[in-house]
């Protein structure tokens, strides 16, 4: 398994950063290679992305979601991945967003990319694009404030 840990500080309050991150269908706006994310229900997502020059589709389950703190996930088919995104208030107007994920590279190209750190760079660039998006808007495009524990949604 390969792992990636990256973080970024954004100049918006924690609630704004968290609320934007819960807009999963907006991920293609800042995640390179992500074609679409469809939210099936509160705890399930359907992804389509180009990775290592190949198109992939997979399902993911949100295993933990706590407003303004953390969102954790794992794939349930297709691409093997899991991880979490945490949100930490630096002060009233700045937030640290940290991504910690692991995945199983498939094929030579993905394995080589992982070995030379290309995936870390990709996540870092995606976080910078998230920063540009949320700071440019100053507000989230929506919000979901429910909680999920063990894959079951709770409001």
Foldseek 3Di string as FASTA:
>chain_A
DFKAKDKDKAQAFLQQLQFQVQPQQCLCQQQPFWPGWDDPDSFKIWTWGQDLNRIWIFMKGFAKDARSAKTWMATPDTWGKIWMWTWDGPDRGMIMIMTIMDTDQDDDSRVVCSVVCVVNVSVNRSNVSSNCVCNVVNGHPGGDRWIHHRRDTDD
